[in-house]
PDB file of all heavy atoms in Angstrom:
ATOM      1  N   PRO A   1      72.842 115.645  91.240  1.00  0.00           N
ATOM      2  CA  PRO A   1      71.409 115.348  91.107  1.00  0.00           C
ATOM      3  C   PRO A   1      70.852 115.870  89.778  1.00  0.00           C
ATOM      4  O   PRO A   1      71.100 117.020  89.401  1.00  0.00           O
ATOM      5  CB  PRO A   1      70.772 116.096  92.289  1.00  0.00           C
ATOM      6  CG  PRO A   1      71.890 116.364  93.252  1.00  0.00           C
ATOM      7  CD  PRO A   1      73.134 116.471  92.432  1.00  0.00           C
ATOM      8  N   GLY A   2      70.135 115.008  89.072  1.00  0.00           N
ATOM      9  CA  GLY A   2      69.484 115.435  87.835  1.00  0.00           C
ATOM     10  C   GLY A   2      70.419 115.615  86.656  1.00  0.00           C
ATOM     11  O   GLY A   2      70.015 116.135  85.615  1.00  0.00           O
ATOM     12  N   ARG A   3      71.678 115.185  86.805  1.00  0.00           N
ATOM     13  CA  ARG A   3      72.634 115.309  85.699  1.00  0.00           C
ATOM     14  C   ARG A   3      73.203 113.939  85.359  1.00  0.00           C
ATOM     15  O   ARG A   3      73.319 113.086  86.227  1.00  0.00           O
ATOM     16  CB  ARG A   3      73.757 116.282  86.067  1.00  0.00           C
ATOM     17  CG  ARG A   3      73.242 117.708  86.103  1.00  0.00           C
ATOM     18  CD  ARG A   3      74.317 118.715  86.459  1.00  0.00           C
ATOM     19  NE  ARG A   3      73.835 120.024  86.061  1.00  0.00           N
ATOM     20  CZ  ARG A   3      74.336 120.746  85.076  1.00  0.00           C
ATOM     21  NH1 ARG A   3      75.367 120.300  84.395  1.00  0.00           N
ATOM     22  NH2 ARG A   3      73.820 121.915  84.762  1.00  0.00           N
ATOM     23  N   ARG A   4      73.592 113.766  84.101  1.00  0.00           N
ATOM     24  CA  ARG A   4      74.081 112.456  83.685  1.00  0.00           C
ATOM     25  C   ARG A   4      75.061 112.602  82.525  1.00  0.00           C
ATOM     26  O   ARG A   4      75.170 113.665  81.905  1.00  0.00           O
ATOM     27  CB  ARG A   4      72.926 111.541  83.309  1.00  0.00           C
ATOM     28  CG  ARG A   4      72.026 112.060  82.217  1.00  0.00           C
ATOM     29  CD  ARG A   4      70.767 111.225  82.060  1.00  0.00           C
ATOM     30  NE  ARG A   4      70.078 111.518  80.810  1.00  0.00           N
ATOM     31  CZ  ARG A   4      69.251 112.519  80.613  1.00  0.00           C
ATOM     32  NH1 ARG A   4      69.002 113.369  81.615  1.00  0.00           N
ATOM     33  NH2 ARG A   4      68.674 112.707  79.443  1.00  0.00           N
ATOM     34  N   ALA A   5      75.722 111.493  82.224  1.00  0.00           N
ATOM     35  CA  ALA A   5      76.780 111.493  81.205  1.00  0.00           C
ATOM     36  C   ALA A   5      76.256 111.925  79.834  1.00  0.00           C
ATOM     37  O   ALA A   5      76.943 112.640  79.089  1.00  0.00           O
ATOM     38  CB  ALA A   5      77.396 110.095  81.115  1.00  0.00           C
ATOM     39  N   GLN A   6      75.031 111.522  79.495  1.00  0.00           N
ATOM     40  CA  GLN A   6      74.494 111.828  78.163  1.00  0.00           C
ATOM     41  C   GLN A   6      74.378 113.338  77.936  1.00  0.00           C
ATOM     42  O   GLN A   6      74.541 113.812  76.805  1.00  0.00           O
ATOM     43  CB  GLN A   6      73.114 111.171  77.991  1.00  0.00           C
ATOM     44  CG  GLN A   6      73.162 109.652  77.942  1.00  0.00           C
ATOM     45  CD  GLN A   6      73.268 108.990  79.309  1.00  0.00           C
ATOM     46  OE1 GLN A   6      73.340 109.666  80.336  1.00  0.00           O
ATOM     47  NE2 GLN A   6      73.283 107.677  79.330  1.00  0.00           N
ATOM     48  N   GLN A   7      74.115 114.095  78.992  1.00  0.00           N
ATOM     49  CA  GLN A   7      74.032 115.556  78.850  1.00  0.00           C
ATOM     50  C   GLN A   7      75.400 116.142  78.494  1.00  0.00           C
ATOM     51  O   GLN A   7      75.491 117.104  77.727  1.00  0.00           O
ATOM     52  CB  GLN A   7      73.509 116.171  80.147  1.00  0.00           C
ATOM     53  CG  GLN A   7      72.055 115.821  80.443  1.00  0.00           C
ATOM     54  CD  GLN A   7      71.649 116.218  81.849  1.00  0.00           C
ATOM     55  OE1 GLN A   7      72.367 115.974  82.820  1.00  0.00           O
ATOM     56  NE2 GLN A   7      70.487 116.846  81.975  1.00  0.00           N
ATOM     57  N   ALA A   8      76.458 115.545  79.058  1.00  0.00           N
ATOM     58  CA  ALA A   8      77.819 115.987  78.724  1.00  0.00           C
ATOM     59  C   ALA A   8      78.115 115.715  77.251  1.00  0.00           C
ATOM     60  O   ALA A   8      78.728 116.544  76.564  1.00  0.00           O
ATOM     61  CB  ALA A   8      78.839 115.275  79.616  1.00  0.00           C
ATOM     62  N   ILE A   9      77.663 114.569  76.749  1.00  0.00           N
ATOM     63  CA  ILE A   9      77.888 114.214  75.338  1.00  0.00           C
ATOM     64  C   ILE A   9      77.125 115.174  74.421  1.00  0.00           C
ATOM     65  O   ILE A   9      77.656 115.637  73.400  1.00  0.00           O
ATOM     66  CB  ILE A   9      77.459 112.751  75.076  1.00  0.00           C
ATOM     67  CG1 ILE A   9      78.316 111.774  75.891  1.00  0.00           C
ATOM     68  CG2 ILE A   9      77.531 112.429  73.582  1.00  0.00           C
ATOM     69  CD1 ILE A   9      79.803 111.813  75.588  1.00  0.00           C
ATOM     70  N   ILE A  10      75.896 115.498  74.778  1.00  0.00           N
ATOM     71  CA  ILE A  10      75.089 116.427  73.969  1.00  0.00           C
ATOM     72  C   ILE A  10      75.745 117.804  73.919  1.00  0.00           C
ATOM     73  O   ILE A  10      75.822 118.441  72.863  1.00  0.00           O
ATOM     74  CB  ILE A  10      73.646 116.511  74.527  1.00  0.00           C
ATOM     75  CG1 ILE A  10      72.906 115.192  74.260  1.00  0.00           C
ATOM     76  CG2 ILE A  10      72.879 117.681  73.900  1.00  0.00           C
ATOM     77  CD1 ILE A  10      71.618 115.021  75.043  1.00  0.00           C
ATOM     78  N   LYS A  11      76.249 118.282  75.049  1.00  0.00           N
ATOM     79  CA  LYS A  11      76.940 119.586  75.093  1.00  0.00           C
ATOM     80  C   LYS A  11      78.214 119.533  74.255  1.00  0.00           C
ATOM     81  O   LYS A  11      78.524 120.472  73.511  1.00  0.00           O
ATOM     82  CB  LYS A  11      77.249 119.959  76.545  1.00  0.00           C
ATOM     83  CG  LYS A  11      78.030 121.258  76.724  1.00  0.00           C
ATOM     84  CD  LYS A  11      77.387 122.463  76.068  1.00  0.00           C
ATOM     85  CE  LYS A  11      76.139 122.913  76.794  1.00  0.00           C
ATOM     86  NZ  LYS A  11      75.610 124.178  76.198  1.00  0.00           N
ATOM     87  N   LEU A  12      78.968 118.434  74.357  1.00  0.00           N
ATOM     88  CA  LEU A  12      80.194 118.284  73.577  1.00  0.00           C
ATOM     89  C   LEU A  12      79.884 118.307  72.082  1.00  0.00           C
ATOM     90  O   LEU A  12      80.607 118.941  71.295  1.00  0.00           O
ATOM     91  CB  LEU A  12      80.897 116.973  73.966  1.00  0.00           C
ATOM     92  CG  LEU A  12      82.193 116.624  73.232  1.00  0.00           C
ATOM     93  CD1 LEU A  12      83.218 117.755  73.345  1.00  0.00           C
ATOM     94  CD2 LEU A  12      82.780 115.320  73.786  1.00  0.00           C
ATOM     95  N   LEU A  13      78.813 117.659  71.670  1.00  0.00           N
ATOM     96  CA  LEU A  13      78.414 117.680  70.254  1.00  0.00           C
ATOM     97  C   LEU A  13      78.071 119.100  69.797  1.00  0.00           C
ATOM     98  O   LEU A  13      78.359 119.477  68.651  1.00  0.00           O
ATOM     99  CB  LEU A  13      77.218 116.748  70.030  1.00  0.00           C
ATOM    100  CG  LEU A  13      77.517 115.245  70.023  1.00  0.00           C
ATOM    101  CD1 LEU A  13      76.229 114.442  70.011  1.00  0.00           C
ATOM    102  CD2 LEU A  13      78.398 114.857  68.841  1.00  0.00           C
ATOM    103  N   GLU A  14      77.459 119.886  70.681  1.00  0.00           N
ATOM    104  CA  GLU A  14      77.183 121.299  70.360  1.00  0.00           C
ATOM    105  C   GLU A  14      78.473 122.029  70.010  1.00  0.00           C
ATOM    106  O   GLU A  14      78.546 122.751  69.006  1.00  0.00           O
ATOM    107  CB  GLU A  14      76.524 122.008  71.556  1.00  0.00           C
ATOM    108  CG  GLU A  14      75.037 121.803  71.682  1.00  0.00           C
ATOM    109  CD  GLU A  14      74.490 122.581  72.875  1.00  0.00           C
ATOM    110  OE1 GLU A  14      75.000 123.688  73.169  1.00  0.00           O
ATOM    111  OE2 GLU A  14      73.570 122.062  73.529  1.00  0.00           O
ATOM    112  N   TYR A  15      79.490 121.842  70.854  1.00  0.00           N
ATOM    113  CA  TYR A  15      80.780 122.502  70.606  1.00  0.00           C
ATOM    114  C   TYR A  15      81.370 122.051  69.269  1.00  0.00           C
ATOM    115  O   TYR A  15      81.828 122.879  68.470  1.00  0.00           O
ATOM    116  CB  TYR A  15      81.788 122.151  71.715  1.00  0.00           C
ATOM    117  CG  TYR A  15      81.434 122.629  73.106  1.00  0.00           C
ATOM    118  CD1 TYR A  15      81.910 121.945  74.224  1.00  0.00           C
ATOM    119  CD2 TYR A  15      80.653 123.758  73.324  1.00  0.00           C
ATOM    120  CE1 TYR A  15      81.627 122.368  75.511  1.00  0.00           C
ATOM    121  CE2 TYR A  15      80.348 124.192  74.604  1.00  0.00           C
ATOM    122  CZ  TYR A  15      80.841 123.483  75.705  1.00  0.00           C
ATOM    123  OH  TYR A  15      80.548 123.909  76.972  1.00  0.00           O
ATOM    124  N   LEU A  16      81.371 120.742  69.031  1.00  0.00           N
ATOM    125  CA  LEU A  16      81.965 120.210  67.798  1.00  0.00           C
ATOM    126  C   LEU A  16      81.256 120.776  66.567  1.00  0.00           C
ATOM    127  O   LEU A  16      81.904 121.170  65.593  1.00  0.00           O
ATOM    128  CB  LEU A  16      81.891 118.682  67.783  1.00  0.00           C
ATOM    129  CG  LEU A  16      82.635 117.930  68.904  1.00  0.00           C
ATOM    130  CD1 LEU A  16      82.497 116.422  68.717  1.00  0.00           C
ATOM    131  CD2 LEU A  16      84.106 118.320  68.954  1.00  0.00           C
ATOM    132  N   ASN A  17      79.935 120.838  66.617  1.00  0.00           N
ATOM    133  CA  ASN A  17      79.174 121.328  65.464  1.00  0.00           C
ATOM    134  C   ASN A  17      79.214 122.845  65.332  1.00  0.00           C
ATOM    135  O   ASN A  17      78.797 123.383  64.300  1.00  0.00           O
ATOM    136  CB  ASN A  17      77.734 120.803  65.534  1.00  0.00           C
ATOM    137  CG  ASN A  17      77.657 119.326  65.180  1.00  0.00           C
ATOM    138  OD1 ASN A  17      78.213 118.901  64.174  1.00  0.00           O
ATOM    139  ND2 ASN A  17      77.004 118.538  66.020  1.00  0.00           N
ATOM    140  N   ASP A  18      79.727 123.532  66.364  1.00  0.00           N
ATOM    141  CA  ASP A  18      79.962 124.976  66.267  1.00  0.00           C
ATOM    142  C   ASP A  18      81.383 125.280  65.782  1.00  0.00           C
ATOM    143  O   ASP A  18      81.791 126.441  65.726  1.00  0.00           O
ATOM    144  CB  ASP A  18      79.743 125.649  67.626  1.00  0.00           C
ATOM    145  CG  ASP A  18      78.259 125.796  67.959  1.00  0.00           C
ATOM    146  OD1 ASP A  18      77.431 125.679  67.039  1.00  0.00           O
ATOM    147  OD2 ASP A  18      77.934 126.016  69.143  1.00  0.00           O
ATOM    148  N   GLY A  19      82.150 124.226  65.477  1.00  0.00           N
ATOM    149  CA  GLY A  19      83.485 124.430  64.915  1.00  0.00           C
ATOM    150  C   GLY A  19      84.630 124.284  65.893  1.00  0.00           C
ATOM    151  O   GLY A  19      85.789 124.480  65.522  1.00  0.00           O
ATOM    152  N   TYR A  20      84.328 123.911  67.144  1.00  0.00           N
ATOM    153  CA  TYR A  20      85.393 123.718  68.143  1.00  0.00           C
ATOM    154  C   TYR A  20      85.828 122.255  68.089  1.00  0.00           C
ATOM    155  O   TYR A  20      85.447 121.433  68.919  1.00  0.00           O
ATOM    156  CB  TYR A  20      84.888 124.095  69.534  1.00  0.00           C
ATOM    157  CG  TYR A  20      84.547 125.558  69.667  1.00  0.00           C
ATOM    158  CD1 TYR A  20      83.282 126.039  69.323  1.00  0.00           C
ATOM    159  CD2 TYR A  20      85.502 126.481  70.109  1.00  0.00           C
ATOM    160  CE1 TYR A  20      82.968 127.385  69.417  1.00  0.00           C
ATOM    161  CE2 TYR A  20      85.202 127.837  70.214  1.00  0.00           C
ATOM    162  CZ  TYR A  20      83.935 128.281  69.862  1.00  0.00           C
ATOM    163  OH  TYR A  20      83.636 129.617  69.961  1.00  0.00           O
ATOM    164  N   THR A  21      86.670 121.940  67.086  1.00  0.00           N
ATOM    165  CA  THR A  21      86.939 120.526  66.778  1.00  0.00           C
ATOM    166  C   THR A  21      88.353 120.073  67.148  1.00  0.00           C
ATOM    167  O   THR A  21      88.755 118.965  66.785  1.00  0.00           O
ATOM    168  CB  THR A  21      86.690 120.255  65.289  1.00  0.00           C
ATOM    169  OG1 THR A  21      87.486 121.154  64.512  1.00  0.00           O
ATOM    170  CG2 THR A  21      85.213 120.423  64.939  1.00  0.00           C
ATOM    171  N   TYR A  22      89.095 120.917  67.847  1.00  0.00           N
ATOM    172  CA  TYR A  22      90.387 120.486  68.395  1.00  0.00           C
ATOM    173  C   TYR A  22      90.190 120.257  69.888  1.00  0.00           C
ATOM    174  O   TYR A  22      89.724 121.144  70.598  1.00  0.00           O
ATOM    175  CB  TYR A  22      91.479 121.532  68.132  1.00  0.00           C
ATOM    176  CG  TYR A  22      91.893 121.576  66.682  1.00  0.00           C
ATOM    177  CD1 TYR A  22      91.160 122.318  65.761  1.00  0.00           C
ATOM    178  CD2 TYR A  22      92.995 120.856  66.225  1.00  0.00           C
ATOM    179  CE1 TYR A  22      91.520 122.345  64.414  1.00  0.00           C
ATOM    180  CE2 TYR A  22      93.365 120.876  64.883  1.00  0.00           C
ATOM    181  CZ  TYR A  22      92.619 121.621  63.994  1.00  0.00           C
ATOM    182  OH  TYR A  22      92.977 121.638  62.661  1.00  0.00           O
ATOM    183  N   ILE A  23      90.522 119.062  70.330  1.00  0.00           N
ATOM    184  CA  ILE A  23      90.153 118.645  71.686  1.00  0.00           C
ATOM    185  C   ILE A  23      91.374 118.485  72.563  1.00  0.00           C
ATOM    186  O   ILE A  23      92.352 117.810  72.192  1.00  0.00           O
ATOM    187  CB  ILE A  23      89.353 117.320  71.639  1.00  0.00           C
ATOM    188  CG1 ILE A  23      88.021 117.567  70.934  1.00  0.00           C
ATOM    189  CG2 ILE A  23      89.115 116.756  73.034  1.00  0.00           C
ATOM    190  CD1 ILE A  23      87.339 116.336  70.445  1.00  0.00           C
ATOM    191  N   VAL A  24      91.301 119.115  73.733  1.00  0.00           N
ATOM    192  CA  VAL A  24      92.330 118.962  74.766  1.00  0.00           C
ATOM    193  C   VAL A  24      91.770 117.970  75.786  1.00  0.00           C
ATOM    194  O   VAL A  24      90.830 118.278  76.514  1.00  0.00           O
ATOM    195  CB  VAL A  24      92.649 120.315  75.435  1.00  0.00           C
ATOM    196  CG1 VAL A  24      93.748 120.143  76.480  1.00  0.00           C
ATOM    197  CG2 VAL A  24      93.058 121.345  74.380  1.00  0.00           C
ATOM    198  N   ASP A  25      92.337 116.777  75.784  1.00  0.00           N
ATOM    199  CA  ASP A  25      91.877 115.690  76.658  1.00  0.00           C
ATOM    200  C   ASP A  25      92.883 115.548  77.797  1.00  0.00           C
ATOM    201  O   ASP A  25      93.969 114.995  77.621  1.00  0.00           O
ATOM    202  CB  ASP A  25      91.773 114.394  75.835  1.00  0.00           C
ATOM    203  CG  ASP A  25      91.172 113.242  76.622  1.00  0.00           C
ATOM    204  OD1 ASP A  25      90.789 113.453  77.783  1.00  0.00           O
ATOM    205  OD2 ASP A  25      91.105 112.121  76.069  1.00  0.00           O
ATOM    206  N   ILE A  26      92.506 116.067  78.972  1.00  0.00           N
ATOM    207  CA  ILE A  26      93.431 116.078  80.110  1.00  0.00           C
ATOM    208  C   ILE A  26      93.111 114.917  81.052  1.00  0.00           C
ATOM    209  O   ILE A  26      91.985 114.779  81.519  1.00  0.00           O
ATOM    210  CB  ILE A  26      93.361 117.421  80.872  1.00  0.00           C
ATOM    211  CG1 ILE A  26      93.881 118.547  79.961  1.00  0.00           C
ATOM    212  CG2 ILE A  26      94.159 117.362  82.167  1.00  0.00           C
ATOM    213  CD1 ILE A  26      93.805 119.921  80.567  1.00  0.00           C
ATOM    214  N   ASP A  27      94.110 114.084  81.299  1.00  0.00           N
ATOM    215  CA  ASP A  27      93.941 112.933  82.194  1.00  0.00           C
ATOM    216  C   ASP A  27      94.591 113.246  83.541  1.00  0.00           C
ATOM    217  O   ASP A  27      95.801 113.475  83.620  1.00  0.00           O
ATOM    218  CB  ASP A  27      94.583 111.683  81.581  1.00  0.00           C
ATOM    219  CG  ASP A  27      94.349 110.438  82.427  1.00  0.00           C
ATOM    220  OD1 ASP A  27      93.336 109.768  82.209  1.00  0.00           O
ATOM    221  OD2 ASP A  27      95.175 110.155  83.314  1.00  0.00           O
ATOM    222  N   LEU A  28      93.777 113.279  84.593  1.00  0.00           N
ATOM    223  CA  LEU A  28      94.299 113.492  85.943  1.00  0.00           C
ATOM    224  C   LEU A  28      94.772 112.157  86.503  1.00  0.00           C
ATOM    225  O   LEU A  28      93.995 111.214  86.614  1.00  0.00           O
ATOM    226  CB  LEU A  28      93.222 114.097  86.848  1.00  0.00           C
ATOM    227  CG  LEU A  28      92.729 115.486  86.434  1.00  0.00           C
ATOM    228  CD1 LEU A  28      91.578 115.930  87.325  1.00  0.00           C
ATOM    229  CD2 LEU A  28      93.859 116.509  86.497  1.00  0.00           C
ATOM    230  N   GLU A  29      96.039 112.084  86.831  1.00  0.00           N
ATOM    231  CA  GLU A  29      96.635 110.814  87.248  1.00  0.00           C
ATOM    232  C   GLU A  29      96.132 110.381  88.622  1.00  0.00           C
ATOM    233  O   GLU A  29      96.332 111.077  89.618  1.00  0.00           O
ATOM    234  CB  GLU A  29      98.164 110.954  87.274  1.00  0.00           C
ATOM    235  CG  GLU A  29      98.888 109.649  87.473  1.00  0.00           C
ATOM    236  CD  GLU A  29     100.393 109.814  87.308  1.00  0.00           C
ATOM    237  OE1 GLU A  29     100.823 110.516  86.365  1.00  0.00           O
ATOM    238  OE2 GLU A  29     101.118 109.259  88.130  1.00  0.00           O
ATOM    239  N   LYS A  30      95.445 109.219  88.649  1.00  0.00           N
ATOM    240  CA  LYS A  30      94.939 108.642  89.906  1.00  0.00           C
ATOM    241  C   LYS A  30      94.338 109.728  90.792  1.00  0.00           C
ATOM    242  O   LYS A  30      94.734 109.910  91.940  1.00  0.00           O
ATOM    243  CB  LYS A  30      96.057 107.912  90.643  1.00  0.00           C
ATOM    244  CG  LYS A  30      96.597 106.725  89.872  1.00  0.00           C
ATOM    245  CD  LYS A  30      97.723 106.035  90.616  1.00  0.00           C
ATOM    246  CE  LYS A  30      98.246 104.843  89.826  1.00  0.00           C
ATOM    247  NZ  LYS A  30      99.416 104.210  90.471  1.00  0.00           N
ATOM    248  N   PHE A  31      93.349 110.434  90.229  1.00  0.00           N
ATOM    249  CA  PHE A  31      92.789 111.610  90.900  1.00  0.00           C
ATOM    250  C   PHE A  31      92.382 111.344  92.341  1.00  0.00           C
ATOM    251  O   PHE A  31      92.789 112.043  93.262  1.00  0.00           O
ATOM    252  CB  PHE A  31      91.589 112.143  90.099  1.00  0.00           C
ATOM    253  CG  PHE A  31      90.778 113.161  90.853  1.00  0.00           C
ATOM    254  CD1 PHE A  31      91.272 114.437  91.070  1.00  0.00           C
ATOM    255  CD2 PHE A  31      89.539 112.834  91.381  1.00  0.00           C
ATOM    256  CE1 PHE A  31      90.540 115.377  91.780  1.00  0.00           C
ATOM    257  CE2 PHE A  31      88.790 113.760  92.091  1.00  0.00           C
ATOM    258  CZ  PHE A  31      89.296 115.033  92.292  1.00  0.00           C
ATOM    259  N   PHE A  32      91.552 110.310  92.567  1.00  0.00           N
ATOM    260  CA  PHE A  32      91.017 110.068  93.910  1.00  0.00           C
ATOM    261  C   PHE A  32      92.138 109.738  94.907  1.00  0.00           C
ATOM    262  O   PHE A  32      92.032 110.045  96.084  1.00  0.00           O
ATOM    263  CB  PHE A  32      89.982 108.940  93.884  1.00  0.00           C
ATOM    264  CG  PHE A  32      88.666 109.360  93.291  1.00  0.00           C
ATOM    265  CD1 PHE A  32      88.413 109.219  91.938  1.00  0.00           C
ATOM    266  CD2 PHE A  32      87.675 109.925  94.084  1.00  0.00           C
ATOM    267  CE1 PHE A  32      87.204 109.617  91.384  1.00  0.00           C
ATOM    268  CE2 PHE A  32      86.456 110.329  93.545  1.00  0.00           C
ATOM    269  CZ  PHE A  32      86.228 110.173  92.189  1.00  0.00           C
ATOM    270  N   ASP A  33      93.214 109.125  94.410  1.00  0.00           N
ATOM    271  CA  ASP A  33      94.337 108.771  95.289  1.00  0.00           C
ATOM    272  C   ASP A  33      95.230 109.967  95.604  1.00  0.00           C
ATOM    273  O   ASP A  33      95.974 109.942  96.583  1.00  0.00           O
ATOM    274  CB  ASP A  33      95.205 107.680  94.637  1.00  0.00           C
ATOM    275  CG  ASP A  33      94.471 106.365  94.492  1.00  0.00           C
ATOM    276  OD1 ASP A  33      93.488 106.155  95.237  1.00  0.00           O
ATOM    277  OD2 ASP A  33      94.864 105.555  93.640  1.00  0.00           O
ATOM    278  N   ASN A  34      95.178 111.007  94.761  1.00  0.00           N
ATOM    279  CA  ASN A  34      96.152 112.096  94.870  1.00  0.00           C
ATOM    280  C   ASN A  34      95.586 113.441  95.324  1.00  0.00           C
ATOM    281  O   ASN A  34      96.298 114.437  95.340  1.00  0.00           O
ATOM    282  CB  ASN A  34      96.862 112.293  93.512  1.00  0.00           C
ATOM    283  CG  ASN A  34      97.804 111.149  93.196  1.00  0.00           C
ATOM    284  OD1 ASN A  34      98.441 110.603  94.088  1.00  0.00           O
ATOM    285  ND2 ASN A  34      97.879 110.766  91.928  1.00  0.00           N
ATOM    286  N   VAL A  35      94.302 113.481  95.689  1.00  0.00           N
ATOM    287  CA  VAL A  35      93.710 114.756  96.136  1.00  0.00           C
ATOM    288  C   VAL A  35      94.424 115.244  97.400  1.00  0.00           C
ATOM    289  O   VAL A  35      94.490 114.528  98.400  1.00  0.00           O
ATOM    290  CB  VAL A  35      92.201 114.578  96.440  1.00  0.00           C
ATOM    291  CG1 VAL A  35      91.639 115.823  97.110  1.00  0.00           C
ATOM    292  CG2 VAL A  35      91.431 114.283  95.163  1.00  0.00           C
ATOM    293  N   PRO A  36      94.964 116.480  97.383  1.00  0.00           N
ATOM    294  CA  PRO A  36      95.578 117.021  98.608  1.00  0.00           C
ATOM    295  C   PRO A  36      94.485 117.356  99.632  1.00  0.00           C
ATOM    296  O   PRO A  36      93.646 118.219  99.387  1.00  0.00           O
ATOM    297  CB  PRO A  36      96.292 118.299  98.129  1.00  0.00           C
ATOM    298  CG  PRO A  36      96.240 118.264  96.635  1.00  0.00           C
ATOM    299  CD  PRO A  36      95.074 117.422  96.258  1.00  0.00           C
ATOM    300  N   GLN A  37      94.493 116.662 100.752  1.00  0.00           N
ATOM    301  CA  GLN A  37      93.397 116.804 101.716  1.00  0.00           C
ATOM    302  C   GLN A  37      93.321 118.202 102.328  1.00  0.00           C
ATOM    303  O   GLN A  37      92.221 118.711 102.571  1.00  0.00           O
ATOM    304  CB  GLN A  37      93.549 115.746 102.822  1.00  0.00           C
ATOM    305  CG  GLN A  37      93.314 114.331 102.307  1.00  0.00           C
ATOM    306  CD  GLN A  37      93.485 113.278 103.394  1.00  0.00           C
ATOM    307  OE1 GLN A  37      93.770 113.598 104.556  1.00  0.00           O
ATOM    308  NE2 GLN A  37      93.334 112.017 103.028  1.00  0.00           N
ATOM    309  N   ASP A  38      94.460 118.827 102.585  1.00  0.00           N
ATOM    310  CA  ASP A  38      94.433 120.176 103.182  1.00  0.00           C
ATOM    311  C   ASP A  38      93.768 121.171 102.248  1.00  0.00           C
ATOM    312  O   ASP A  38      92.952 121.996 102.681  1.00  0.00           O
ATOM    313  CB  ASP A  38      95.864 120.646 103.523  1.00  0.00           C
ATOM    314  CG  ASP A  38      96.457 119.865 104.682  1.00  0.00           C
ATOM    315  OD1 ASP A  38      95.677 119.179 105.387  1.00  0.00           O
ATOM    316  OD2 ASP A  38      97.678 119.923 104.883  1.00  0.00           O
ATOM    317  N   LYS A  39      94.113 121.098 100.965  1.00  0.00           N
ATOM    318  CA  LYS A  39      93.507 121.982  99.965  1.00  0.00           C
ATOM    319  C   LYS A  39      92.009 121.713  99.870  1.00  0.00           C
ATOM    320  O   LYS A  39      91.184 122.637  99.832  1.00  0.00           O
ATOM    321  CB  LYS A  39      94.179 121.745  98.605  1.00  0.00           C
ATOM    322  CG  LYS A  39      93.543 122.481  97.434  1.00  0.00           C
ATOM    323  CD  LYS A  39      93.815 123.966  97.497  1.00  0.00           C
ATOM    324  CE  LYS A  39      93.289 124.681  96.258  1.00  0.00           C
ATOM    325  NZ  LYS A  39      93.464 126.142  96.337  1.00  0.00           N
ATOM    326  N   LEU A  40      91.648 120.434  99.848  1.00  0.00           N
ATOM    327  CA  LEU A  40      90.235 120.050  99.750  1.00  0.00           C
ATOM    328  C   LEU A  40      89.451 120.583 100.943  1.00  0.00           C
ATOM    329  O   LEU A  40      88.370 121.179 100.775  1.00  0.00           O
ATOM    330  CB  LEU A  40      90.113 118.522  99.672  1.00  0.00           C
ATOM    331  CG  LEU A  40      88.697 117.937  99.755  1.00  0.00           C
ATOM    332  CD1 LEU A  40      87.812 118.470  98.636  1.00  0.00           C
ATOM    333  CD2 LEU A  40      88.750 116.415  99.708  1.00  0.00           C
ATOM    334  N   MET A  41      89.965 120.394 102.162  1.00  0.00           N
ATOM    335  CA  MET A  41      89.229 120.827 103.352  1.00  0.00           C
ATOM    336  C   MET A  41      89.167 122.352 103.455  1.00  0.00           C
ATOM    337  O   MET A  41      88.212 122.901 104.003  1.00  0.00           O
ATOM    338  CB  MET A  41      89.843 120.217 104.611  1.00  0.00           C
ATOM    339  CG  MET A  41      89.628 118.707 104.727  1.00  0.00           C
ATOM    340  SD  MET A  41      87.924 118.175 104.397  1.00  0.00           S
ATOM    341  CE  MET A  41      87.014 119.060 105.663  1.00  0.00           C
ATOM    342  N   TYR A  42      90.161 123.031 102.896  1.00  0.00           N
ATOM    343  CA  TYR A  42      90.101 124.497 102.824  1.00  0.00           C
ATOM    344  C   TYR A  42      88.913 124.923 101.949  1.00  0.00           C
ATOM    345  O   TYR A  42      88.154 125.835 102.306  1.00  0.00           O
ATOM    346  CB  TYR A  42      91.411 125.047 102.257  1.00  0.00           C
ATOM    347  CG  TYR A  42      91.333 126.485 101.807  1.00  0.00           C
ATOM    348  CD1 TYR A  42      91.290 127.526 102.742  1.00  0.00           C
ATOM    349  CD2 TYR A  42      91.267 126.810 100.447  1.00  0.00           C
ATOM    350  CE1 TYR A  42      91.185 128.852 102.325  1.00  0.00           C
ATOM    351  CE2 TYR A  42      91.170 128.125 100.023  1.00  0.00           C
ATOM    352  CZ  TYR A  42      91.125 129.147 100.967  1.00  0.00           C
ATOM    353  OH  TYR A  42      91.016 130.440 100.557  1.00  0.00           O
ATOM    354  N   LEU A  43      88.741 124.229 100.828  1.00  0.00           N
ATOM    355  CA  LEU A  43      87.631 124.545  99.924  1.00  0.00           C
ATOM    356  C   LEU A  43      86.287 124.198 100.561  1.00  0.00           C
ATOM    357  O   LEU A  43      85.319 124.938 100.419  1.00  0.00           O
ATOM    358  CB  LEU A  43      87.800 123.791  98.602  1.00  0.00           C
ATOM    359  CG  LEU A  43      89.022 124.187  97.758  1.00  0.00           C
ATOM    360  CD1 LEU A  43      89.187 123.238  96.573  1.00  0.00           C
ATOM    361  CD2 LEU A  43      88.898 125.633  97.270  1.00  0.00           C
ATOM    362  N   VAL A  44      86.216 123.075 101.270  1.00  0.00           N
ATOM    363  CA  VAL A  44      84.982 122.703 101.973  1.00  0.00           C
ATOM    364  C   VAL A  44      84.649 123.765 103.011  1.00  0.00           C
ATOM    365  O   VAL A  44      83.503 124.209 103.154  1.00  0.00           O
ATOM    366  CB  VAL A  44      85.119 121.313 102.647  1.00  0.00           C
ATOM    367  CG1 VAL A  44      83.902 121.008 103.519  1.00  0.00           C
ATOM    368  CG2 VAL A  44      85.295 120.214 101.592  1.00  0.00           C
ATOM    369  N   GLY A  45      85.681 124.216 103.741  1.00  0.00           N
ATOM    370  CA  GLY A  45      85.505 125.184 104.823  1.00  0.00           C
ATOM    371  C   GLY A  45      85.063 126.565 104.368  1.00  0.00           C
ATOM    372  O   GLY A  45      84.557 127.355 105.173  1.00  0.00           O
TER     373      GLY A  45
END
């Protein structure tokens, strides 16, 4: 609620302009298909 993609871009630009210009772009493979349900429900609980 109250958050959007543009805020993420603005924060990322802050980092870049502060000199943090090497980017680690991590791709989670088929995230929604691969979530371990037991781990997830433990966190919910």
